[in-house]
Amino acid sequence: MKVKLLRIYFGESDRFEGKFRSGTPAYHAVVECLHRNGISGATVFRGIEGYGVHSILHTASILRLSEDLPIVVEVVETEERLNPILPELLEIVKDELVLLMDAEVLMGHKFKEDV
């Protein structure tokens, strides 16, 4: 089954600054939006090391504690269900890196009957 793979990259310290729940971690605001809009599922990954456009290294090393580790929110969903909420998601993430890719589900509980 053809689906979309959505990935949104954050720093752990990124905050959502909107009308509601201002100051909430941005990744949490994204997950709440996805859940509220009936998206099948989302996973939040916390990285152990990484850097972004500003080339500042963030690491979970014991010798160098960081409070801004990389965070990735990943979603697999049909285009028909994902596209309508993209404007709301983009409003939450502002300038973060957002990737939307074509993917194919080979196995999976939710998509099993369609494969």
PDB file of N, CA and C in Angstrom:
ATOM      1  N   MET A   1       0.842  -1.181   0.000  1.00  0.00           N
ATOM      2  CA  MET A   1       0.000   0.000   0.000  1.00  0.00           C
ATOM      3  C   MET A   1       0.887   1.244   0.000  1.00  0.00           C
ATOM      4  N   LYS A   2       0.576   2.195  -0.830  1.00  0.00           N
ATOM      5  CA  LYS A   2       1.314   3.454  -0.905  1.00  0.00           C
ATOM      6  C   LYS A   2       0.876   4.370   0.236  1.00  0.00           C
ATOM      7  N   VAL A   3       1.867   4.925   0.931  1.00  0.00           N
ATOM      8  CA  VAL A   3       1.612   5.824   2.053  1.00  0.00           C
ATOM      9  C   VAL A   3       2.612   6.980   1.991  1.00  0.00           C
ATOM     10  N   LYS A   4       2.481   7.886   2.928  1.00  0.00           N
ATOM     11  CA  LYS A   4       3.441   8.973   3.107  1.00  0.00           C
ATOM     12  C   LYS A   4       4.180   8.759   4.421  1.00  0.00           C
ATOM     13  N   LEU A   5       5.462   9.074   4.416  1.00  0.00           N
ATOM     14  CA  LEU A   5       6.284   9.048   5.613  1.00  0.00           C
ATOM     15  C   LEU A   5       6.641  10.497   5.931  1.00  0.00           C
ATOM     16  N   LEU A   6       6.187  10.964   7.072  1.00  0.00           N
ATOM     17  CA  LEU A   6       6.438  12.333   7.512  1.00  0.00           C
ATOM     18  C   LEU A   6       7.464  12.297   8.634  1.00  0.00           C
ATOM     19  N   ARG A   7       8.515  13.096   8.498  1.00  0.00           N
ATOM     20  CA  ARG A   7       9.526  13.228   9.549  1.00  0.00           C
ATOM     21  C   ARG A   7       9.711  14.703   9.855  1.00  0.00           C
ATOM     22  N   ILE A   8       9.695  15.011  11.134  1.00  0.00           N
ATOM     23  CA  ILE A   8       9.904  16.387  11.583  1.00  0.00           C
ATOM     24  C   ILE A   8      11.043  16.374  12.593  1.00  0.00           C
ATOM     25  N   TYR A   9      12.047  17.213  12.360  1.00  0.00           N
ATOM     26  CA  TYR A   9      13.246  17.260  13.191  1.00  0.00           C
ATOM     27  C   TYR A   9      13.202  18.480  14.109  1.00  0.00           C
ATOM     28  N   PHE A  10      13.490  18.253  15.390  1.00  0.00           N
ATOM     29  CA  PHE A  10      13.484  19.312  16.404  1.00  0.00           C
ATOM     30  C   PHE A  10      14.746  19.222  17.241  1.00  0.00           C
ATOM     31  N   GLY A  11      14.971  20.278  18.005  1.00  0.00           N
ATOM     32  CA  GLY A  11      15.856  20.212  19.157  1.00  0.00           C
ATOM     33  C   GLY A  11      14.956  20.000  20.364  1.00  0.00           C
ATOM     34  N   GLU A  12      15.449  19.314  21.358  1.00  0.00           N
ATOM     35  CA  GLU A  12      14.643  19.006  22.543  1.00  0.00           C
ATOM     36  C   GLU A  12      14.109  20.265  23.224  1.00  0.00           C
ATOM     37  N   SER A  13      14.812  21.370  23.105  1.00  0.00           N
ATOM     38  CA  SER A  13      14.396  22.606  23.774  1.00  0.00           C
ATOM     39  C   SER A  13      13.420  23.445  22.942  1.00  0.00           C
ATOM     40  N   ASP A  14      13.111  23.047  21.710  1.00  0.00           N
ATOM     41  CA  ASP A  14      12.178  23.814  20.876  1.00  0.00           C
ATOM     42  C   ASP A  14      10.794  23.826  21.515  1.00  0.00           C
ATOM     43  N   ARG A  15      10.177  24.996  21.528  1.00  0.00           N
ATOM     44  CA  ARG A  15       8.869  25.173  22.152  1.00  0.00           C
ATOM     45  C   ARG A  15       7.857  25.677  21.142  1.00  0.00           C
ATOM     46  N   PHE A  16       6.608  25.266  21.364  1.00  0.00           N
ATOM     47  CA  PHE A  16       5.493  25.742  20.550  1.00  0.00           C
ATOM     48  C   PHE A  16       5.006  27.039  21.157  1.00  0.00           C
ATOM     49  N   GLU A  17       4.912  28.075  20.352  1.00  0.00           N
ATOM     50  CA  GLU A  17       4.428  29.376  20.810  1.00  0.00           C
ATOM     51  C   GLU A  17       3.175  29.734  20.029  1.00  0.00           C
ATOM     52  N   GLY A  18       2.045  29.223  20.455  1.00  0.00           N
ATOM     53  CA  GLY A  18       0.784  29.481  19.774  1.00  0.00           C
ATOM     54  C   GLY A  18      -0.256  29.989  20.743  1.00  0.00           C
ATOM     55  N   LYS A  19      -1.483  30.083  20.248  1.00  0.00           N
ATOM     56  CA  LYS A  19      -2.587  30.577  21.073  1.00  0.00           C
ATOM     57  C   LYS A  19      -2.849  29.664  22.266  1.00  0.00           C
ATOM     58  N   PHE A  20      -2.754  28.375  22.024  1.00  0.00           N
ATOM     59  CA  PHE A  20      -3.068  27.409  23.065  1.00  0.00           C
ATOM     60  C   PHE A  20      -1.805  26.653  23.449  1.00  0.00           C
ATOM     61  N   ARG A  21      -1.632  26.408  24.713  1.00  0.00           N
ATOM     62  CA  ARG A  21      -0.526  25.598  25.229  1.00  0.00           C
ATOM     63  C   ARG A  21       0.842  26.168  24.844  1.00  0.00           C
ATOM     64  N   SER A  22       0.955  27.458  24.875  1.00  0.00           N
ATOM     65  CA  SER A  22       2.224  28.105  24.569  1.00  0.00           C
ATOM     66  C   SER A  22       3.295  27.625  25.550  1.00  0.00           C
ATOM     67  N   GLY A  23       4.494  27.360  25.038  1.00  0.00           N
ATOM     68  CA  GLY A  23       5.586  26.880  25.861  1.00  0.00           C
ATOM     69  C   GLY A  23       5.696  25.368  25.924  1.00  0.00           C
ATOM     70  N   THR A  24       4.730  24.663  25.343  1.00  0.00           N
ATOM     71  CA  THR A  24       4.760  23.203  25.271  1.00  0.00           C
ATOM     72  C   THR A  24       5.918  22.775  24.375  1.00  0.00           C
ATOM     73  N   PRO A  25       6.607  21.672  24.694  1.00  0.00           N
ATOM     74  CA  PRO A  25       7.618  21.178  23.752  1.00  0.00           C
ATOM     75  C   PRO A  25       7.006  21.017  22.356  1.00  0.00           C
ATOM     76  N   ALA A  26       7.706  21.485  21.348  1.00  0.00           N
ATOM     77  CA  ALA A  26       7.155  21.482  19.983  1.00  0.00           C
ATOM     78  C   ALA A  26       6.801  20.076  19.517  1.00  0.00           C
ATOM     79  N   TYR A  27       7.647  19.097  19.847  1.00  0.00           N
ATOM     80  CA  TYR A  27       7.339  17.731  19.418  1.00  0.00           C
ATOM     81  C   TYR A  27       6.051  17.225  20.059  1.00  0.00           C
ATOM     82  N   HIS A  28       5.787  17.623  21.309  1.00  0.00           N
ATOM     83  CA  HIS A  28       4.554  17.207  21.986  1.00  0.00           C
ATOM     84  C   HIS A  28       3.337  17.878  21.344  1.00  0.00           C
ATOM     85  N   ALA A  29       3.468  19.148  20.973  1.00  0.00           N
ATOM     86  CA  ALA A  29       2.368  19.845  20.290  1.00  0.00           C
ATOM     87  C   ALA A  29       2.045  19.167  18.964  1.00  0.00           C
ATOM     88  N   VAL A  30       3.066  18.688  18.254  1.00  0.00           N
ATOM     89  CA  VAL A  30       2.847  17.971  16.994  1.00  0.00           C
ATOM     90  C   VAL A  30       2.099  16.666  17.245  1.00  0.00           C
ATOM     91  N   VAL A  31       2.541  15.892  18.241  1.00  0.00           N
ATOM     92  CA  VAL A  31       1.880  14.618  18.544  1.00  0.00           C
ATOM     93  C   VAL A  31       0.429  14.852  18.955  1.00  0.00           C
ATOM     94  N   GLU A  32       0.169  15.876  19.755  1.00  0.00           N
ATOM     95  CA  GLU A  32      -1.207  16.198  20.141  1.00  0.00           C
ATOM     96  C   GLU A  32      -2.053  16.535  18.918  1.00  0.00           C
ATOM     97  N   CYS A  33      -1.506  17.304  17.992  1.00  0.00           N
ATOM     98  CA  CYS A  33      -2.214  17.666  16.760  1.00  0.00           C
ATOM     99  C   CYS A  33      -2.537  16.421  15.944  1.00  0.00           C
ATOM    100  N   LEU A  34      -1.568  15.547  15.792  1.00  0.00           N
ATOM    101  CA  LEU A  34      -1.774  14.313  15.028  1.00  0.00           C
ATOM    102  C   LEU A  34      -2.865  13.456  15.669  1.00  0.00           C
ATOM    103  N   HIS A  35      -2.808  13.301  16.975  1.00  0.00           N
ATOM    104  CA  HIS A  35      -3.784  12.490  17.704  1.00  0.00           C
ATOM    105  C   HIS A  35      -5.180  13.093  17.586  1.00  0.00           C
ATOM    106  N   ARG A  36      -5.270  14.398  17.801  1.00  0.00           N
ATOM    107  CA  ARG A  36      -6.554  15.108  17.728  1.00  0.00           C
ATOM    108  C   ARG A  36      -7.194  14.979  16.343  1.00  0.00           C
ATOM    109  N   ASN A  37      -6.373  14.874  15.313  1.00  0.00           N
ATOM    110  CA  ASN A  37      -6.879  14.795  13.941  1.00  0.00           C
ATOM    111  C   ASN A  37      -7.027  13.365  13.430  1.00  0.00           C
ATOM    112  N   GLY A  38      -6.910  12.384  14.317  1.00  0.00           N
ATOM    113  CA  GLY A  38      -7.195  11.002  13.949  1.00  0.00           C
ATOM    114  C   GLY A  38      -6.124  10.295  13.144  1.00  0.00           C
ATOM    115  N   ILE A  39      -4.888  10.800  13.190  1.00  0.00           N
ATOM    116  CA  ILE A  39      -3.796  10.120  12.495  1.00  0.00           C
ATOM    117  C   ILE A  39      -3.501   8.810  13.229  1.00  0.00           C
ATOM    118  N   SER A  40      -3.226   7.769  12.477  1.00  0.00           N
ATOM    119  CA  SER A  40      -3.112   6.408  13.023  1.00  0.00           C
ATOM    120  C   SER A  40      -2.063   6.253  14.115  1.00  0.00           C
ATOM    121  N   GLY A  41      -0.962   6.947  14.014  1.00  0.00           N
ATOM    122  CA  GLY A  41       0.075   6.826  15.028  1.00  0.00           C
ATOM    123  C   GLY A  41       1.248   7.726  14.733  1.00  0.00           C
ATOM    124  N   ALA A  42       2.019   7.994  15.755  1.00  0.00           N
ATOM    125  CA  ALA A  42       3.232   8.800  15.628  1.00  0.00           C
ATOM    126  C   ALA A  42       4.245   8.268  16.628  1.00  0.00           C
ATOM    127  N   THR A  43       5.506   8.360  16.275  1.00  0.00           N
ATOM    128  CA  THR A  43       6.578   7.943  17.168  1.00  0.00           C
ATOM    129  C   THR A  43       7.560   9.094  17.316  1.00  0.00           C
ATOM    130  N   VAL A  44       7.989   9.334  18.550  1.00  0.00           N
ATOM    131  CA  VAL A  44       8.986  10.361  18.832  1.00  0.00           C
ATOM    132  C   VAL A  44      10.291   9.658  19.189  1.00  0.00           C
ATOM    133  N   PHE A  45      11.336   9.978  18.439  1.00  0.00           N
ATOM    134  CA  PHE A  45      12.666   9.421  18.679  1.00  0.00           C
ATOM    135  C   PHE A  45      13.551  10.499  19.294  1.00  0.00           C
ATOM    136  N   ARG A  46      14.274  10.129  20.340  1.00  0.00           N
ATOM    137  CA  ARG A  46      15.227  11.051  20.962  1.00  0.00           C
ATOM    138  C   ARG A  46      16.627  10.597  20.571  1.00  0.00           C
ATOM    139  N   GLY A  47      17.339  11.464  19.902  1.00  0.00           N
ATOM    140  CA  GLY A  47      18.677  11.121  19.440  1.00  0.00           C
ATOM    141  C   GLY A  47      19.708  11.196  20.549  1.00  0.00           C
ATOM    142  N   ILE A  48      20.792  10.479  20.372  1.00  0.00           N
ATOM    143  CA  ILE A  48      21.874  10.540  21.353  1.00  0.00           C
ATOM    144  C   ILE A  48      22.959  11.534  20.955  1.00  0.00           C
ATOM    145  N   GLU A  49      22.916  11.938  19.690  1.00  0.00           N
ATOM    146  CA  GLU A  49      23.891  12.915  19.230  1.00  0.00           C
ATOM    147  C   GLU A  49      23.452  13.453  17.878  1.00  0.00           C
ATOM    148  N   GLY A  50      23.783  14.713  17.617  1.00  0.00           N
ATOM    149  CA  GLY A  50      23.477  15.282  16.316  1.00  0.00           C
ATOM    150  C   GLY A  50      23.789  16.765  16.269  1.00  0.00           C
ATOM    151  N   TYR A  51      23.716  17.313  15.069  1.00  0.00           N
ATOM    152  CA  TYR A  51      23.848  18.750  14.889  1.00  0.00           C
ATOM    153  C   TYR A  51      22.993  19.154  13.702  1.00  0.00           C
ATOM    154  N   GLY A  52      22.659  20.430  13.645  1.00  0.00           N
ATOM    155  CA  GLY A  52      21.803  20.933  12.583  1.00  0.00           C
ATOM    156  C   GLY A  52      22.482  22.033  11.801  1.00  0.00           C
ATOM    157  N   VAL A  53      21.678  22.904  11.258  1.00  0.00           N
ATOM    158  CA  VAL A  53      22.136  23.946  10.350  1.00  0.00           C
ATOM    159  C   VAL A  53      23.161  24.888  11.002  1.00  0.00           C
ATOM    160  N   HIS A  54      23.104  25.043  12.338  1.00  0.00           N
ATOM    161  CA  HIS A  54      24.036  25.943  13.019  1.00  0.00           C
ATOM    162  C   HIS A  54      25.328  25.247  13.445  1.00  0.00           C
ATOM    163  N   SER A  55      25.463  23.958  13.125  1.00  0.00           N
ATOM    164  CA  SER A  55      26.672  23.161  13.397  1.00  0.00           C
ATOM    165  C   SER A  55      27.044  23.065  14.874  1.00  0.00           C
ATOM    166  N   ILE A  56      26.072  23.213  15.762  1.00  0.00           N
ATOM    167  CA  ILE A  56      26.319  23.032  17.190  1.00  0.00           C
ATOM    168  C   ILE A  56      26.058  21.570  17.517  1.00  0.00           C
ATOM    169  N   LEU A  57      27.069  20.889  18.055  1.00  0.00           N
ATOM    170  CA  LEU A  57      26.947  19.469  18.367  1.00  0.00           C
ATOM    171  C   LEU A  57      26.192  19.291  19.679  1.00  0.00           C
ATOM    172  N   HIS A  58      25.149  18.483  19.653  1.00  0.00           N
ATOM    173  CA  HIS A  58      24.361  18.139  20.832  1.00  0.00           C
ATOM    174  C   HIS A  58      24.587  16.657  21.085  1.00  0.00           C
ATOM    175  N   THR A  59      24.930  16.321  22.331  1.00  0.00           N
ATOM    176  CA  THR A  59      25.279  14.934  22.620  1.00  0.00           C
ATOM    177  C   THR A  59      24.753  14.498  23.978  1.00  0.00           C
ATOM    178  N   ALA A  60      24.555  13.206  24.130  1.00  0.00           N
ATOM    179  CA  ALA A  60      24.129  12.629  25.405  1.00  0.00           C
ATOM    180  C   ALA A  60      25.322  12.056  26.158  1.00  0.00           C
ATOM    181  N   SER A  61      26.520  12.408  25.759  1.00  0.00           N
ATOM    182  CA  SER A  61      27.737  11.913  26.396  1.00  0.00           C
ATOM    183  C   SER A  61      27.757  12.285  27.877  1.00  0.00           C
ATOM    184  N   ILE A  62      28.211  11.369  28.693  1.00  0.00           N
ATOM    185  CA  ILE A  62      28.309  11.624  30.133  1.00  0.00           C
ATOM    186  C   ILE A  62      29.259  12.783  30.409  1.00  0.00           C
ATOM    187  N   LEU A  63      30.294  12.895  29.604  1.00  0.00           N
ATOM    188  CA  LEU A  63      31.281  13.953  29.810  1.00  0.00           C
ATOM    189  C   LEU A  63      30.796  15.315  29.340  1.00  0.00           C
ATOM    190  N   ARG A  64      29.752  15.317  28.526  1.00  0.00           N
ATOM    191  CA  ARG A  64      29.270  16.579  27.967  1.00  0.00           C
ATOM    192  C   ARG A  64      27.749  16.532  27.918  1.00  0.00           C
ATOM    193  N   LEU A  65      27.125  16.946  29.002  1.00  0.00           N
ATOM    194  CA  LEU A  65      25.670  16.874  29.091  1.00  0.00           C
ATOM    195  C   LEU A  65      25.030  17.943  28.212  1.00  0.00           C
ATOM    196  N   SER A  66      24.013  17.551  27.495  1.00  0.00           N
ATOM    197  CA  SER A  66      23.292  18.467  26.621  1.00  0.00           C
ATOM    198  C   SER A  66      21.818  18.428  26.981  1.00  0.00           C
ATOM    199  N   GLU A  67      21.189  19.573  26.958  1.00  0.00           N
ATOM    200  CA  GLU A  67      19.757  19.641  27.218  1.00  0.00           C
ATOM    201  C   GLU A  67      18.981  19.909  25.937  1.00  0.00           C
ATOM    202  N   ASP A  68      19.630  19.785  24.808  1.00  0.00           N
ATOM    203  CA  ASP A  68      18.957  20.064  23.544  1.00  0.00           C
ATOM    204  C   ASP A  68      19.247  18.948  22.546  1.00  0.00           C
ATOM    205  N   LEU A  69      18.966  17.719  22.951  1.00  0.00           N
ATOM    206  CA  LEU A  69      19.222  16.569  22.087  1.00  0.00           C
ATOM    207  C   LEU A  69      18.281  16.575  20.890  1.00  0.00           C
ATOM    208  N   PRO A  70      18.682  15.919  19.800  1.00  0.00           N
ATOM    209  CA  PRO A  70      17.818  15.851  18.611  1.00  0.00           C
ATOM    210  C   PRO A  70      16.556  15.034  18.901  1.00  0.00           C
ATOM    211  N   ILE A  71      15.449  15.497  18.355  1.00  0.00           N
ATOM    212  CA  ILE A  71      14.153  14.814  18.455  1.00  0.00           C
ATOM    213  C   ILE A  71      13.597  14.682  17.041  1.00  0.00           C
ATOM    214  N   VAL A  72      13.069  13.502  16.707  1.00  0.00           N
ATOM    215  CA  VAL A  72      12.416  13.284  15.413  1.00  0.00           C
ATOM    216  C   VAL A  72      11.028  12.708  15.671  1.00  0.00           C
ATOM    217  N   VAL A  73      10.017  13.321  15.069  1.00  0.00           N
ATOM    218  CA  VAL A  73       8.660  12.769  15.077  1.00  0.00           C
ATOM    219  C   VAL A  73       8.452  12.108  13.727  1.00  0.00           C
ATOM    220  N   GLU A  74       7.998  10.861  13.746  1.00  0.00           N
ATOM    221  CA  GLU A  74       7.797  10.115  12.501  1.00  0.00           C
ATOM    222  C   GLU A  74       6.366   9.598  12.436  1.00  0.00           C
ATOM    223  N   VAL A  75       5.767   9.727  11.253  1.00  0.00           N
ATOM    224  CA  VAL A  75       4.382   9.320  11.015  1.00  0.00           C
ATOM    225  C   VAL A  75       4.311   8.574   9.689  1.00  0.00           C
ATOM    226  N   VAL A  76       3.588   7.465   9.671  1.00  0.00           N
ATOM    227  CA  VAL A  76       3.266   6.752   8.435  1.00  0.00           C
ATOM    228  C   VAL A  76       1.755   6.805   8.299  1.00  0.00           C
ATOM    229  N   GLU A  77       1.273   7.387   7.204  1.00  0.00           N
ATOM    230  CA  GLU A  77      -0.171   7.562   7.025  1.00  0.00           C
ATOM    231  C   GLU A  77      -0.490   7.705   5.542  1.00  0.00           C
ATOM    232  N   THR A  78      -1.741   7.489   5.215  1.00  0.00           N
ATOM    233  CA  THR A  78      -2.165   7.685   3.829  1.00  0.00           C
ATOM    234  C   THR A  78      -2.150   9.177   3.496  1.00  0.00           C
ATOM    235  N   GLU A  79      -1.936   9.463   2.241  1.00  0.00           N
ATOM    236  CA  GLU A  79      -1.912  10.853   1.782  1.00  0.00           C
ATOM    237  C   GLU A  79      -3.241  11.541   2.055  1.00  0.00           C
ATOM    238  N   GLU A  80      -4.329  10.810   1.872  1.00  0.00           N
ATOM    239  CA  GLU A  80      -5.671  11.378   2.064  1.00  0.00           C
ATOM    240  C   GLU A  80      -5.907  11.813   3.511  1.00  0.00           C
ATOM    241  N   ARG A  81      -5.329  11.114   4.459  1.00  0.00           N
ATOM    242  CA  ARG A  81      -5.518  11.471   5.867  1.00  0.00           C
ATOM    243  C   ARG A  81      -4.498  12.500   6.341  1.00  0.00           C
ATOM    244  N   LEU A  82      -3.311  12.506   5.743  1.00  0.00           N
ATOM    245  CA  LEU A  82      -2.246  13.394   6.200  1.00  0.00           C
ATOM    246  C   LEU A  82      -2.342  14.797   5.601  1.00  0.00           C
ATOM    247  N   ASN A  83      -2.637  14.888   4.322  1.00  0.00           N
ATOM    248  CA  ASN A  83      -2.632  16.194   3.649  1.00  0.00           C
ATOM    249  C   ASN A  83      -3.516  17.259   4.299  1.00  0.00           C
ATOM    250  N   PRO A  84      -4.730  16.930   4.753  1.00  0.00           N
ATOM    251  CA  PRO A  84      -5.580  17.982   5.324  1.00  0.00           C
ATOM    252  C   PRO A  84      -5.017  18.642   6.586  1.00  0.00           C
ATOM    253  N   ILE A  85      -4.158  17.958   7.323  1.00  0.00           N
ATOM    254  CA  ILE A  85      -3.649  18.560   8.557  1.00  0.00           C
ATOM    255  C   ILE A  85      -2.260  19.179   8.399  1.00  0.00           C
ATOM    256  N   LEU A  86      -1.661  19.069   7.221  1.00  0.00           N
ATOM    257  CA  LEU A  86      -0.315  19.623   7.025  1.00  0.00           C
ATOM    258  C   LEU A  86      -0.228  21.120   7.329  1.00  0.00           C
ATOM    259  N   PRO A  87      -1.200  21.950   6.930  1.00  0.00           N
ATOM    260  CA  PRO A  87      -1.090  23.376   7.272  1.00  0.00           C
ATOM    261  C   PRO A  87      -1.030  23.621   8.785  1.00  0.00           C
ATOM    262  N   GLU A  88      -1.831  22.883   9.550  1.00  0.00           N
ATOM    263  CA  GLU A  88      -1.806  23.032  11.007  1.00  0.00           C
ATOM    264  C   GLU A  88      -0.456  22.589  11.577  1.00  0.00           C
ATOM    265  N   LEU A  89       0.077  21.482  11.066  1.00  0.00           N
ATOM    266  CA  LEU A  89       1.386  21.006  11.525  1.00  0.00           C
ATOM    267  C   LEU A  89       2.489  22.009  11.208  1.00  0.00           C
ATOM    268  N   LEU A  90       2.467  22.555  10.002  1.00  0.00           N
ATOM    269  CA  LEU A  90       3.506  23.508   9.604  1.00  0.00           C
ATOM    270  C   LEU A  90       3.441  24.785  10.434  1.00  0.00           C
ATOM    271  N   GLU A  91       2.263  25.140  10.897  1.00  0.00           N
ATOM    272  CA  GLU A  91       2.122  26.298  11.786  1.00  0.00           C
ATOM    273  C   GLU A  91       2.798  26.025  13.135  1.00  0.00           C
ATOM    274  N   ILE A  92       2.719  24.797  13.597  1.00  0.00           N
ATOM    275  CA  ILE A  92       3.340  24.426  14.874  1.00  0.00           C
ATOM    276  C   ILE A  92       4.861  24.392  14.749  1.00  0.00           C
ATOM    277  N   VAL A  93       5.372  23.800  13.671  1.00  0.00           N
ATOM    278  CA  VAL A  93       6.819  23.560  13.572  1.00  0.00           C
ATOM    279  C   VAL A  93       7.613  24.757  13.064  1.00  0.00           C
ATOM    280  N   LYS A  94       6.953  25.720  12.471  1.00  0.00           N
ATOM    281  CA  LYS A  94       7.599  26.942  11.976  1.00  0.00           C
ATOM    282  C   LYS A  94       8.789  26.648  11.072  1.00  0.00           C
ATOM    283  N   ASP A  95      10.007  26.848  11.562  1.00  0.00           N
ATOM    284  CA  ASP A  95      11.210  26.762  10.729  1.00  0.00           C
ATOM    285  C   ASP A  95      11.958  25.439  10.842  1.00  0.00           C
ATOM    286  N   GLU A  96      11.345  24.430  11.448  1.00  0.00           N
ATOM    287  CA  GLU A  96      12.030  23.143  11.614  1.00  0.00           C
ATOM    288  C   GLU A  96      12.091  22.397  10.282  1.00  0.00           C
ATOM    289  N   LEU A  97      12.981  21.424  10.199  1.00  0.00           N
ATOM    290  CA  LEU A  97      13.110  20.600   9.003  1.00  0.00           C
ATOM    291  C   LEU A  97      11.956  19.600   8.967  1.00  0.00           C
ATOM    292  N   VAL A  98      11.195  19.622   7.877  1.00  0.00           N
ATOM    293  CA  VAL A  98      10.050  18.720   7.697  1.00  0.00           C
ATOM    294  C   VAL A  98      10.241  17.983   6.379  1.00  0.00           C
ATOM    295  N   LEU A  99      10.209  16.648   6.434  1.00  0.00           N
ATOM    296  CA  LEU A  99      10.332  15.819   5.235  1.00  0.00           C
ATOM    297  C   LEU A  99       9.038  15.051   5.028  1.00  0.00           C
ATOM    298  N   LEU A 100       8.576  14.997   3.790  1.00  0.00           N
ATOM    299  CA  LEU A 100       7.406  14.204   3.422  1.00  0.00           C
ATOM    300  C   LEU A 100       7.817  13.348   2.233  1.00  0.00           C
ATOM    301  N   MET A 101       7.798  12.031   2.439  1.00  0.00           N
ATOM    302  CA  MET A 101       8.311  11.109   1.428  1.00  0.00           C
ATOM    303  C   MET A 101       7.273  10.062   1.073  1.00  0.00           C
ATOM    304  N   ASP A 102       7.372   9.570  -0.147  1.00  0.00           N
ATOM    305  CA  ASP A 102       6.566   8.422  -0.549  1.00  0.00           C
ATOM    306  C   ASP A 102       7.160   7.176   0.084  1.00  0.00           C
ATOM    307  N   ALA A 103       6.286   6.278   0.522  1.00  0.00           N
ATOM    308  CA  ALA A 103       6.734   5.011   1.107  1.00  0.00           C
ATOM    309  C   ALA A 103       5.732   3.933   0.733  1.00  0.00           C
ATOM    310  N   GLU A 104       6.116   2.696   0.966  1.00  0.00           N
ATOM    311  CA  GLU A 104       5.233   1.568   0.700  1.00  0.00           C
ATOM    312  C   GLU A 104       5.230   0.655   1.915  1.00  0.00           C
ATOM    313  N   VAL A 105       4.044   0.338   2.414  1.00  0.00           N
ATOM    314  CA  VAL A 105       3.909  -0.571   3.551  1.00  0.00           C
ATOM    315  C   VAL A 105       3.957  -1.999   3.023  1.00  0.00           C
ATOM    316  N   LEU A 106       4.897  -2.773   3.527  1.00  0.00           N
ATOM    317  CA  LEU A 106       4.996  -4.183   3.160  1.00  0.00           C
ATOM    318  C   LEU A 106       4.265  -5.058   4.171  1.00  0.00           C
ATOM    319  N   MET A 107       4.329  -4.686   5.429  1.00  0.00           N
ATOM    320  CA  MET A 107       3.616  -5.377   6.501  1.00  0.00           C
ATOM    321  C   MET A 107       3.224  -4.337   7.529  1.00  0.00           C
ATOM    322  N   GLY A 108       2.159  -4.602   8.229  1.00  0.00           N
ATOM    323  CA  GLY A 108       1.739  -3.696   9.286  1.00  0.00           C
ATOM    324  C   GLY A 108       0.298  -3.943   9.649  1.00  0.00           C
ATOM    325  N   HIS A 109       0.021  -3.963  10.936  1.00  0.00           N
ATOM    326  CA  HIS A 109      -1.312  -4.301  11.423  1.00  0.00           C
ATOM    327  C   HIS A 109      -2.409  -3.432  10.797  1.00  0.00           C
ATOM    328  N   LYS A 110      -2.249  -2.122  10.863  1.00  0.00           N
ATOM    329  CA  LYS A 110      -3.294  -1.222  10.367  1.00  0.00           C
ATOM    330  C   LYS A 110      -3.499  -1.354   8.865  1.00  0.00           C
ATOM    331  N   PHE A 111      -2.420  -1.536   8.142  1.00  0.00           N
ATOM    332  CA  PHE A 111      -2.481  -1.525   6.687  1.00  0.00           C
ATOM    333  C   PHE A 111      -2.582  -2.929   6.090  1.00  0.00           C
ATOM    334  N   LYS A 112      -2.610  -3.952   6.927  1.00  0.00           N
ATOM    335  CA  LYS A 112      -2.517  -5.340   6.475  1.00  0.00           C
ATOM    336  C   LYS A 112      -3.552  -5.699   5.420  1.00  0.00           C
ATOM    337  N   GLU A 113      -4.798  -5.302   5.644  1.00  0.00           N
ATOM    338  CA  GLU A 113      -5.853  -5.687   4.706  1.00  0.00           C
ATOM    339  C   GLU A 113      -5.700  -5.039   3.336  1.00  0.00           C
ATOM    340  N   ASP A 114      -4.922  -3.951   3.272  1.00  0.00           N
ATOM    341  CA  ASP A 114      -4.763  -3.233   2.010  1.00  0.00           C
ATOM    342  C   ASP A 114      -3.517  -3.648   1.237  1.00  0.00           C
ATOM    343  N   VAL A 115      -2.657  -4.454   1.821  1.00  0.00           N
ATOM    344  CA  VAL A 115      -1.397  -4.832   1.162  1.00  0.00           C
ATOM    345  C   VAL A 115      -1.634  -5.971   0.194  1.00  0.00           C
TER     346      VAL A 115
END
